Amino acid sequence: MAVFEVYGGRSLRGEIAVQGAKNEALQVLCATLLTGERVEISNIPQIEDVMQLIELLERMGVEVERIDGSTCAFRAEHIDTTFLTSEEYCRRAARLRGSVMALGPLLARFGVGYMPKPGGDKIGRRRLDTHFLGFQKLGAKFDYDANDNFYSVSAKELQGCYMLLDEASVTGTANIVMAAVMARGTTTIYNAACEPYVQQLCRMLNSMGARISGIASNMLTIEGVTELHGTKHRLLPDMIEVGSFIGLAAMTASEITIKDVSFDNLGIIPQQFARMGIGFEQRGDDVFIPQQKHYEIESFIDGSIMTVADAPWPGLTPDLLSVFLVVATQAKGAVLIHQKMFESRLFFVDKLIDMGAQIILCDPHRATVIGHDHRMPLRSTQMTSPDIRAGVALLIATMNADGKSVIQNVEQIDRGYQNIDGRLNALGAKIIRIED
């Protein structure tokens, strides 16, 4: 188990590149199962969750050609469906939340899909009902073995239909779209998620021969086709990483240029940081954050305390609320952080309180933060990273703190951030990785 020793209180300066989008990668990698032809994907992030999914695809029988550090070609010509019920498959797939998105492609192309209860971050309930209700609407038979925590879906033929999703689930929408692209007839998905990840998946599928319209809206129409073909696809920059670096620059009073962010796909993220008082400039497709000794949180027009809350796209992604919460600890003013989606995601705030942050955890979903206005840094401490997003938020906090902090279980951070210590050290940070 690796550990970070973080020496805080250092201002950073320089340029930093953004990795490919993790959440998009997990979707489009599974989409390679929809064809036996060659699919080339570039800008793949070298992070633990993505590497595990690629290994899982290889075990299924997908041929993987590693072209360079961030580009791979996939050919799913010969898939061993018997592997899907093996002990090895159950063990590997159960470690990875993103493996659930193999179900839609497998069901569409082979008529069966199997899945153990997937792992991932422990941030509260993460139900899969939307996925399976969608498959059932398309005509699939669903079964769940509660003793083994094992899901299965099967269908001789999928039939297009109209469906209204019970929630605008990103992964649920992606899974249903991948199942529907080869269903007979037309499928209409209303209340579909429209995050850039889903848009990218739909564009990639269209380039493979699918017929999907309504991309970027909450209503997708899919005309089924009999087969899909090979293509080339490039992942977007990871908007969660862009937001993390903006927050890091503010917390450490640093001057950083974030390169090639695909600004048009950041949605409300820059605007929300601006409301936190953080200044930045858009320079072409880069984001420049000047050194700021102070930043002040806005109030609402009536003078009431501002609320930062997650919402379906184009609202604020829940993956960045941990970063906004940490950034608020050194702002001038107060803010209410409202995490609507996951009831355990704010439980890392006790570690920030131990570091001297002024936070009131109102309930599992809401926390009020009163900022220090950089009058005093957080205190160094020793802690354990609970999940990917809380882990990077705690890393940002320790970089503000005076002295040496220790973060254990940094494998959680590695699941979502590629070589984060090396890249930040290149800007002037001092983060030492110790392999235990």
Protein backbone atom coordinates (compact mmCIF):
# COMPACT_ATOMS: atom_id res chain seq x y z
CA MET A 1 0.00 0.00 0.00
CA ALA A 2 1.56 3.29 -1.12
CA VAL A 3 1.81 6.41 1.01
CA PHE A 4 2.26 10.08 0.11
CA GLU A 5 4.42 12.33 2.25
CA VAL A 6 3.24 15.82 1.36
CA TYR A 7 5.22 18.91 2.34
CA GLY A 8 2.71 21.75 2.18
CA GLY A 9 2.91 25.52 2.10
CA ARG A 10 4.59 25.65 -1.31
CA SER A 11 3.38 27.83 -4.19
CA LEU A 12 3.37 26.14 -7.61
CA ARG A 13 4.09 27.60 -11.01
CA GLY A 14 4.04 26.30 -14.57
CA GLU A 15 1.98 24.38 -17.10
CA ILE A 16 0.18 21.09 -16.57
CA ALA A 17 -1.44 18.79 -19.12
CA VAL A 18 -4.78 17.10 -18.54
CA GLN A 19 -5.24 13.35 -18.86
CA GLY A 20 -8.00 11.74 -20.90
CA ALA A 21 -11.42 11.54 -19.29
CA LYS A 22 -11.70 8.53 -16.98
CA ASN A 23 -15.50 8.32 -17.09
CA GLU A 24 -15.56 8.49 -20.88
CA ALA A 25 -12.81 5.87 -21.15
CA LEU A 26 -14.78 3.29 -19.16
CA GLN A 27 -17.73 3.68 -21.56
CA VAL A 28 -15.96 3.71 -24.93
CA LEU A 29 -13.66 0.83 -23.98
CA CYS A 30 -16.71 -1.33 -23.33
CA ALA A 31 -18.20 -0.16 -26.66
CA THR A 32 -15.36 -1.95 -28.47
CA LEU A 33 -17.24 -5.19 -27.68
CA LEU A 34 -19.94 -4.18 -30.18
CA THR A 35 -17.85 -5.05 -33.25
CA GLY A 36 -15.28 -7.56 -34.34
CA GLU A 37 -13.45 -4.90 -36.32
CA ARG A 38 -10.52 -2.76 -35.18
CA VAL A 39 -11.31 0.22 -32.91
CA GLU A 40 -8.49 2.62 -32.07
CA ILE A 41 -8.82 4.82 -28.99
CA SER A 42 -6.36 7.59 -28.11
CA ASN A 43 -5.75 9.83 -25.09
CA ILE A 44 -6.42 6.90 -22.75
CA PRO A 45 -5.45 7.80 -19.16
CA GLN A 46 -2.92 5.47 -17.55
CA ILE A 47 -4.89 5.03 -14.33
CA GLU A 48 -5.71 1.96 -12.30
CA ASP A 49 -9.43 1.67 -13.12
CA VAL A 50 -8.85 1.98 -16.86
CA MET A 51 -5.92 -0.44 -16.89
CA GLN A 52 -7.98 -3.02 -14.99
CA LEU A 53 -10.82 -2.71 -17.51
CA ILE A 54 -8.44 -3.21 -20.44
CA GLU A 55 -7.06 -6.33 -18.72
CA LEU A 56 -10.61 -7.59 -18.22
CA LEU A 57 -11.40 -7.09 -21.92
CA GLU A 58 -8.25 -9.03 -22.82
CA ARG A 59 -9.37 -11.91 -20.61
CA MET A 60 -12.69 -11.93 -22.49
CA GLY A 61 -10.79 -12.45 -25.74
CA VAL A 62 -10.35 -8.89 -27.01
CA GLU A 63 -7.06 -8.43 -28.86
CA VAL A 64 -5.35 -5.30 -27.53
CA GLU A 65 -2.59 -3.57 -29.48
CA ARG A 66 -0.73 -1.01 -27.36
CA ILE A 67 0.36 1.60 -29.90
CA ASP A 68 1.85 4.08 -27.44
CA GLY A 69 1.39 5.14 -23.82
CA SER A 70 -2.06 6.60 -24.41
CA THR A 71 -3.32 4.84 -27.58
CA CYS A 72 -4.60 1.30 -27.98
CA ALA A 73 -6.37 -0.61 -30.73
CA PHE A 74 -9.01 -3.20 -29.81
CA ARG A 75 -10.40 -6.08 -31.85
CA ALA A 76 -13.22 -8.03 -30.20
CA GLU A 77 -13.52 -10.61 -32.97
CA HIS A 78 -13.42 -13.72 -30.80
CA ILE A 79 -15.12 -13.30 -27.40
CA ASP A 80 -15.23 -16.21 -24.97
CA THR A 81 -18.69 -15.83 -23.42
CA THR A 82 -18.05 -18.83 -21.14
CA PHE A 83 -15.40 -16.71 -19.37
CA LEU A 84 -18.20 -14.43 -18.16
CA THR A 85 -19.36 -17.02 -15.64
CA SER A 86 -15.88 -17.99 -14.46
CA GLU A 87 -14.47 -17.33 -11.01
CA GLU A 88 -11.70 -15.18 -12.50
CA TYR A 89 -14.22 -12.96 -14.29
CA CYS A 90 -16.24 -12.53 -11.11
CA ARG A 91 -13.13 -11.60 -9.14
CA ARG A 92 -11.84 -9.09 -11.68
CA ALA A 93 -15.17 -7.49 -12.56
CA ALA A 94 -16.21 -7.15 -8.92
CA ARG A 95 -13.21 -4.88 -8.27
CA LEU A 96 -14.23 -2.37 -10.91
CA ARG A 97 -17.39 -0.26 -11.02
CA GLY A 98 -16.98 0.51 -14.72
CA SER A 99 -17.19 -3.16 -15.69
CA VAL A 100 -20.99 -2.91 -15.45
CA MET A 101 -20.94 -1.10 -18.81
CA ALA A 102 -19.87 -4.29 -20.57
CA LEU A 103 -23.41 -5.62 -20.05
CA GLY A 104 -25.08 -3.51 -22.76
CA PRO A 105 -22.60 -4.37 -25.55
CA LEU A 106 -22.54 -8.07 -24.60
CA LEU A 107 -26.34 -8.23 -24.58
CA ALA A 108 -26.59 -6.45 -27.93
CA ARG A 109 -24.04 -8.56 -29.76
CA PHE A 110 -24.14 -11.96 -28.03
CA GLY A 111 -27.56 -12.01 -26.39
CA VAL A 112 -26.18 -12.54 -22.88
CA GLY A 113 -24.45 -10.52 -20.21
CA TYR A 114 -23.19 -11.48 -16.76
CA MET A 115 -21.98 -9.26 -13.96
CA PRO A 116 -21.03 -9.68 -10.30
CA LYS A 117 -22.00 -6.84 -7.99
CA PRO A 118 -19.42 -4.21 -9.01
CA GLY A 119 -17.01 -2.47 -6.69
CA GLY A 120 -15.85 1.14 -6.82
CA ASP A 121 -15.90 4.00 -4.36
CA LYS A 122 -17.77 3.54 -1.08
CA ILE A 123 -19.75 6.78 -1.28
CA GLY A 124 -23.23 5.50 -0.50
CA ARG A 125 -25.88 3.61 -2.45
CA ARG A 126 -25.14 3.29 -6.15
CA ARG A 127 -28.11 1.38 -7.50
CA LEU A 128 -28.16 -0.30 -10.90
CA ASP A 129 -31.93 -0.40 -11.38
CA THR A 130 -31.87 2.07 -14.29
CA HIS A 131 -29.56 -0.22 -16.29
CA PHE A 132 -31.67 -3.35 -15.87
CA LEU A 133 -35.05 -1.65 -16.23
CA GLY A 134 -33.82 -0.31 -19.56
CA PHE A 135 -32.64 -3.74 -20.70
CA GLN A 136 -36.01 -5.22 -19.72
CA LYS A 137 -37.83 -2.55 -21.73
CA LEU A 138 -35.80 -3.70 -24.73
CA GLY A 139 -37.03 -7.26 -24.15
CA ALA A 140 -34.21 -8.78 -22.11
CA LYS A 141 -34.78 -11.21 -19.27
CA PHE A 142 -33.16 -10.14 -16.00
CA ASP A 143 -32.06 -12.33 -13.10
CA TYR A 144 -30.29 -11.54 -9.84
CA ASP A 145 -28.81 -14.17 -7.55
CA ALA A 146 -28.82 -12.55 -4.10
CA ASN A 147 -26.68 -15.32 -2.62
CA ASP A 148 -23.82 -14.77 -5.07
CA ASN A 149 -24.52 -11.09 -5.81
CA PHE A 150 -24.56 -12.02 -9.50
CA TYR A 151 -26.59 -10.34 -12.26
CA SER A 152 -27.49 -11.80 -15.63
CA VAL A 153 -29.40 -10.57 -18.68
CA SER A 154 -30.35 -12.47 -21.81
CA ALA A 155 -32.40 -11.98 -24.96
CA LYS A 156 -32.79 -13.78 -28.27
CA GLU A 157 -33.53 -10.43 -29.90
CA LEU A 158 -33.81 -6.91 -28.54
CA GLN A 159 -36.75 -4.80 -29.66
CA GLY A 160 -36.68 -1.01 -29.83
CA CYS A 161 -39.19 0.85 -27.67
CA TYR A 162 -39.95 4.12 -25.87
CA MET A 163 -38.65 4.42 -22.33
CA LEU A 164 -38.62 7.11 -19.66
CA LEU A 165 -35.61 6.60 -17.39
CA ASP A 166 -36.34 6.77 -13.66
CA GLU A 167 -33.17 8.85 -13.24
CA ALA A 168 -30.78 10.57 -15.64
CA SER A 169 -28.03 8.07 -14.88
CA VAL A 170 -24.85 8.58 -16.93
CA THR A 171 -23.74 4.96 -16.84
CA GLY A 172 -27.32 3.74 -17.13
CA THR A 173 -27.89 5.85 -20.26
CA ALA A 174 -24.60 4.68 -21.77
CA ASN A 175 -25.38 1.02 -21.10
CA ILE A 176 -28.89 1.22 -22.55
CA VAL A 177 -27.66 3.11 -25.64
CA MET A 178 -25.06 0.42 -26.30
CA ALA A 179 -27.72 -2.28 -25.97
CA ALA A 180 -30.18 -0.41 -28.21
CA VAL A 181 -27.89 0.35 -31.17
CA MET A 182 -28.42 -3.16 -32.58
CA ALA A 183 -32.01 -3.67 -31.39
CA ARG A 184 -34.71 -4.17 -34.02
CA GLY A 185 -36.65 -0.98 -34.70
CA THR A 186 -36.41 2.41 -33.02
CA THR A 187 -35.62 3.17 -29.37
CA THR A 188 -36.42 6.49 -27.75
CA ILE A 189 -34.77 7.25 -24.40
CA TYR A 190 -36.31 10.18 -22.51
CA ASN A 191 -34.66 11.67 -19.40
CA ALA A 192 -31.36 10.46 -20.82
CA ALA A 193 -28.14 11.78 -19.31
CA CYS A 194 -26.45 14.25 -21.65
CA GLU A 195 -23.00 14.65 -20.06
CA PRO A 196 -20.09 15.07 -22.49
CA TYR A 197 -19.12 11.45 -21.75
CA VAL A 198 -22.45 10.22 -23.15
CA GLN A 199 -22.22 12.62 -26.10
CA GLN A 200 -18.78 11.27 -26.93
CA LEU A 201 -19.97 7.67 -26.71
CA CYS A 202 -22.87 8.41 -29.06
CA ARG A 203 -20.61 10.14 -31.58
CA MET A 204 -18.20 7.21 -31.48
CA LEU A 205 -21.06 4.74 -32.03
CA ASN A 206 -22.35 6.81 -34.96
CA SER A 207 -18.89 6.70 -36.51
CA MET A 208 -19.14 2.90 -36.19
CA GLY A 209 -22.42 2.87 -38.11
CA ALA A 210 -25.03 3.44 -35.41
CA ARG A 211 -27.91 5.85 -35.98
CA ILE A 212 -28.32 7.99 -32.89
CA SER A 213 -29.96 11.42 -32.95
CA GLY A 214 -30.68 13.94 -30.20
CA ILE A 215 -27.07 13.90 -28.97
CA ALA A 216 -26.48 16.50 -26.20
CA SER A 217 -30.19 16.52 -25.31
CA ASN A 218 -32.18 14.50 -22.78
CA MET A 219 -34.04 12.62 -25.51
CA LEU A 220 -32.09 10.16 -27.63
CA THR A 221 -33.55 8.37 -30.64
CA ILE A 222 -31.77 5.23 -31.81
CA GLU A 223 -32.57 3.44 -35.05
CA GLY A 224 -31.28 -0.08 -34.71
CA VAL A 225 -28.70 -1.46 -37.16
CA THR A 226 -27.59 -5.04 -37.78
CA GLU A 227 -23.86 -4.49 -37.27
CA LEU A 228 -21.22 -1.94 -36.29
CA HIS A 229 -17.76 -1.38 -37.74
CA GLY A 230 -14.33 -0.19 -36.69
CA THR A 231 -13.41 3.44 -36.02
CA LYS A 232 -10.93 5.80 -34.41
CA HIS A 233 -11.87 7.82 -31.35
CA ARG A 234 -10.08 10.34 -29.11
CA LEU A 235 -11.12 10.90 -25.50
CA LEU A 236 -11.88 14.37 -24.20
CA PRO A 237 -9.65 15.89 -21.50
CA ASP A 238 -10.88 14.96 -18.03
CA MET A 239 -13.04 17.84 -16.77
CA ILE A 240 -12.80 16.53 -13.20
CA GLU A 241 -9.04 16.85 -13.36
CA VAL A 242 -9.36 20.37 -14.81
CA GLY A 243 -11.56 21.36 -11.86
CA SER A 244 -9.16 19.71 -9.41
CA PHE A 245 -6.24 21.75 -10.76
CA ILE A 246 -8.22 25.00 -10.60
CA GLY A 247 -9.01 24.27 -6.95
CA LEU A 248 -5.40 23.31 -6.25
CA ALA A 249 -4.13 26.59 -7.71
CA ALA A 250 -6.50 28.62 -5.51
CA MET A 251 -5.69 26.71 -2.32
CA THR A 252 -1.93 27.01 -2.78
CA ALA A 253 -1.92 30.59 -4.18
CA SER A 254 -0.23 29.27 -7.31
CA GLU A 255 0.09 30.44 -10.90
CA ILE A 256 -0.81 27.55 -13.18
CA THR A 257 -1.74 27.13 -16.83
CA ILE A 258 -3.90 24.09 -17.51
CA LYS A 259 -3.31 23.02 -21.11
CA ASP A 260 -5.83 21.89 -23.74
CA VAL A 261 -8.90 21.62 -21.50
CA SER A 262 -11.62 21.52 -24.23
CA PHE A 263 -13.17 24.58 -22.62
CA ASP A 264 -16.51 24.24 -24.41
CA ASN A 265 -17.02 20.87 -22.71
CA LEU A 266 -16.43 22.15 -19.16
CA GLY A 267 -20.01 23.36 -18.84
CA ILE A 268 -20.77 25.25 -15.63
CA ILE A 269 -17.49 24.32 -13.91
CA PRO A 270 -15.55 27.55 -14.68
CA GLN A 271 -18.58 29.68 -13.79
CA GLN A 272 -18.97 27.94 -10.45
CA PHE A 273 -15.31 28.50 -9.55
CA ALA A 274 -15.77 32.16 -10.49
CA ARG A 275 -18.63 32.36 -7.98
CA MET A 276 -16.18 31.06 -5.38
CA GLY A 277 -14.10 34.17 -6.15
CA ILE A 278 -11.39 32.36 -8.09
CA GLY A 279 -10.06 34.34 -11.03
CA PHE A 280 -8.95 32.70 -14.27
CA GLU A 281 -8.48 33.49 -17.94
CA GLN A 282 -9.39 31.44 -20.96
CA ARG A 283 -6.43 31.54 -23.32
CA GLY A 284 -7.46 29.69 -26.43
CA ASP A 285 -8.17 26.19 -25.13
CA ASP A 286 -6.01 26.70 -22.02
CA VAL A 287 -7.06 27.96 -18.59
CA PHE A 288 -4.66 30.33 -16.81
CA ILE A 289 -5.08 30.76 -13.04
CA PRO A 290 -3.08 33.71 -11.67
CA GLN A 291 -1.64 33.69 -8.17
CA GLN A 292 -4.37 34.79 -5.76
CA LYS A 293 -3.74 35.48 -2.09
CA HIS A 294 -7.47 35.87 -1.46
CA TYR A 295 -10.72 34.79 -3.08
CA GLU A 296 -14.19 35.69 -1.82
CA ILE A 297 -17.32 33.58 -2.15
CA GLU A 298 -20.29 35.38 -3.64
CA SER A 299 -23.66 35.56 -1.91
CA PHE A 300 -27.00 35.18 -3.63
CA ILE A 301 -28.74 38.37 -4.77
CA ASP A 302 -30.83 38.54 -1.57
CA GLY A 303 -27.68 38.28 0.56
CA SER A 304 -28.23 34.66 1.62
CA ILE A 305 -25.39 32.16 1.79
CA MET A 306 -24.48 30.61 -1.53
CA THR A 307 -25.20 26.95 -2.13
CA VAL A 308 -23.03 24.76 -4.34
CA ALA A 309 -24.99 21.65 -5.30
CA ASP A 310 -24.60 18.84 -7.80
CA ALA A 311 -27.17 18.33 -10.56
CA PRO A 312 -27.56 16.38 -13.80
CA TRP A 313 -25.71 17.93 -16.74
CA PRO A 314 -25.57 20.78 -17.56
CA GLY A 315 -25.56 21.19 -13.79
CA LEU A 316 -22.44 20.73 -11.66
CA THR A 317 -20.93 17.25 -11.65
CA PRO A 318 -20.98 15.57 -8.22
CA ASP A 319 -17.39 14.41 -8.73
CA LEU A 320 -16.13 17.95 -8.05
CA LEU A 321 -18.06 18.78 -4.87
CA SER A 322 -15.23 17.44 -2.69
CA VAL A 323 -12.83 19.87 -4.38
CA PHE A 324 -15.24 22.82 -3.98
CA LEU A 325 -15.60 21.98 -0.30
CA VAL A 326 -11.83 22.01 0.26
CA VAL A 327 -11.38 25.22 -1.74
CA ALA A 328 -14.00 26.91 0.46
CA THR A 329 -11.95 26.26 3.61
CA GLN A 330 -9.50 29.02 2.59
CA ALA A 331 -11.99 31.39 0.95
CA LYS A 332 -13.41 34.56 2.41
CA GLY A 333 -17.05 33.95 3.27
CA ALA A 334 -19.23 30.90 3.73
CA VAL A 335 -20.92 28.36 1.50
CA LEU A 336 -23.31 25.44 1.82
CA ILE A 337 -22.12 22.34 -0.06
CA HIS A 338 -25.09 20.13 -0.95
CA GLN A 339 -24.21 16.66 -2.22
CA LYS A 340 -27.56 15.33 -3.41
CA MET A 341 -26.56 12.11 -5.08
CA PHE A 342 -24.41 10.14 -2.60
CA GLU A 343 -25.07 10.09 1.13
CA SER A 344 -21.54 9.08 2.19
CA ARG A 345 -19.46 11.36 0.01
CA LEU A 346 -19.09 14.16 2.60
CA PHE A 347 -17.91 11.93 5.42
CA PHE A 348 -14.28 12.85 4.74
CA VAL A 349 -14.86 16.31 6.26
CA ASP A 350 -13.89 15.07 9.72
CA LYS A 351 -10.32 14.88 8.43
CA LEU A 352 -10.50 18.52 7.31
CA ILE A 353 -11.92 19.54 10.67
CA ASP A 354 -8.94 17.84 12.34
CA MET A 355 -6.75 20.02 10.10
CA GLY A 356 -8.43 23.17 11.45
CA ALA A 357 -11.10 23.75 8.80
CA GLN A 358 -14.32 25.38 9.96
CA ILE A 359 -16.99 22.98 8.72
CA ILE A 360 -20.38 22.01 10.09
CA LEU A 361 -21.64 18.68 8.75
CA CYS A 362 -25.37 19.39 8.77
CA ASP A 363 -26.40 15.89 7.65
CA PRO A 364 -25.03 13.21 5.29
CA HIS A 365 -25.75 15.42 2.27
CA ARG A 366 -24.92 18.97 3.42
CA ALA A 367 -21.93 20.75 4.93
CA THR A 368 -21.49 24.44 5.75
CA VAL A 369 -17.97 25.79 5.31
CA ILE A 370 -16.70 29.05 6.83
CA GLY A 371 -13.48 30.02 5.10
CA HIS A 372 -10.22 31.16 6.75
CA ASP A 373 -9.50 33.72 3.99
CA HIS A 374 -5.93 32.36 3.93
CA ARG A 375 -5.30 33.96 7.35
CA MET A 376 -4.07 30.63 8.65
CA PRO A 377 -3.20 27.48 6.72
CA LEU A 378 -4.60 24.10 7.56
CA ARG A 379 -2.62 21.90 9.96
CA SER A 380 -0.55 18.99 8.72
CA THR A 381 -1.84 15.58 9.68
CA GLN A 382 -1.93 11.86 8.88
CA MET A 383 -4.95 10.42 7.11
CA THR A 384 -6.23 7.70 4.77
CA SER A 385 -7.71 8.35 1.33
CA PRO A 386 -11.30 7.00 1.38
CA ASP A 387 -12.12 7.27 -2.36
CA ILE A 388 -10.85 8.88 -5.57
CA ARG A 389 -12.43 12.31 -5.29
CA ALA A 390 -12.11 12.73 -1.52
CA GLY A 391 -8.54 11.51 -1.88
CA VAL A 392 -7.53 14.26 -4.29
CA ALA A 393 -9.42 16.82 -2.19
CA LEU A 394 -7.39 15.77 0.85
CA LEU A 395 -4.21 15.96 -1.22
CA ILE A 396 -5.10 19.56 -2.10
CA ALA A 397 -5.72 20.26 1.60
CA THR A 398 -2.33 18.89 2.63
CA MET A 399 -0.62 21.07 0.02
CA ASN A 400 -2.10 24.09 1.80
CA ALA A 401 -1.04 22.84 5.24
CA ASP A 402 2.26 23.78 6.87
CA GLY A 403 4.71 20.94 7.45
CA LYS A 404 4.57 17.27 6.50
CA SER A 405 1.31 15.39 6.07
CA VAL A 406 0.94 11.69 5.34
CA ILE A 407 -1.79 10.23 3.14
CA GLN A 408 -2.21 6.47 3.22
CA ASN A 409 -4.01 4.27 0.68
CA VAL A 410 -3.07 6.53 -2.22
CA GLU A 411 -4.01 3.71 -4.59
CA GLN A 412 -7.48 5.24 -4.35
CA ILE A 413 -6.14 8.46 -5.86
CA ASP A 414 -4.20 6.49 -8.49
CA ARG A 415 -7.50 4.98 -9.67
CA GLY A 416 -8.50 8.37 -11.10
CA TYR A 417 -5.37 10.53 -11.45
CA GLN A 418 -2.40 9.57 -13.57
CA ASN A 419 1.03 10.12 -11.96
CA ILE A 420 -0.45 12.95 -9.88
CA ASP A 421 2.60 13.24 -7.62
CA GLY A 422 5.05 13.43 -10.54
CA ARG A 423 3.04 16.03 -12.41
CA LEU A 424 2.56 18.26 -9.36
CA ASN A 425 6.21 17.91 -8.34
CA ALA A 426 7.13 19.26 -11.78
CA LEU A 427 5.29 22.46 -10.79
CA GLY A 428 7.18 22.82 -7.51
CA ALA A 429 5.24 20.60 -5.12
CA LYS A 430 7.03 18.22 -2.78
CA ILE A 431 5.19 14.92 -2.70
CA ILE A 432 7.16 11.79 -1.90
CA ARG A 433 5.63 8.42 -2.78
CA ILE A 434 6.64 5.61 -0.44
CA GLU A 435 5.79 2.06 -1.40
CA ASP A 436 4.87 0.14 1.73
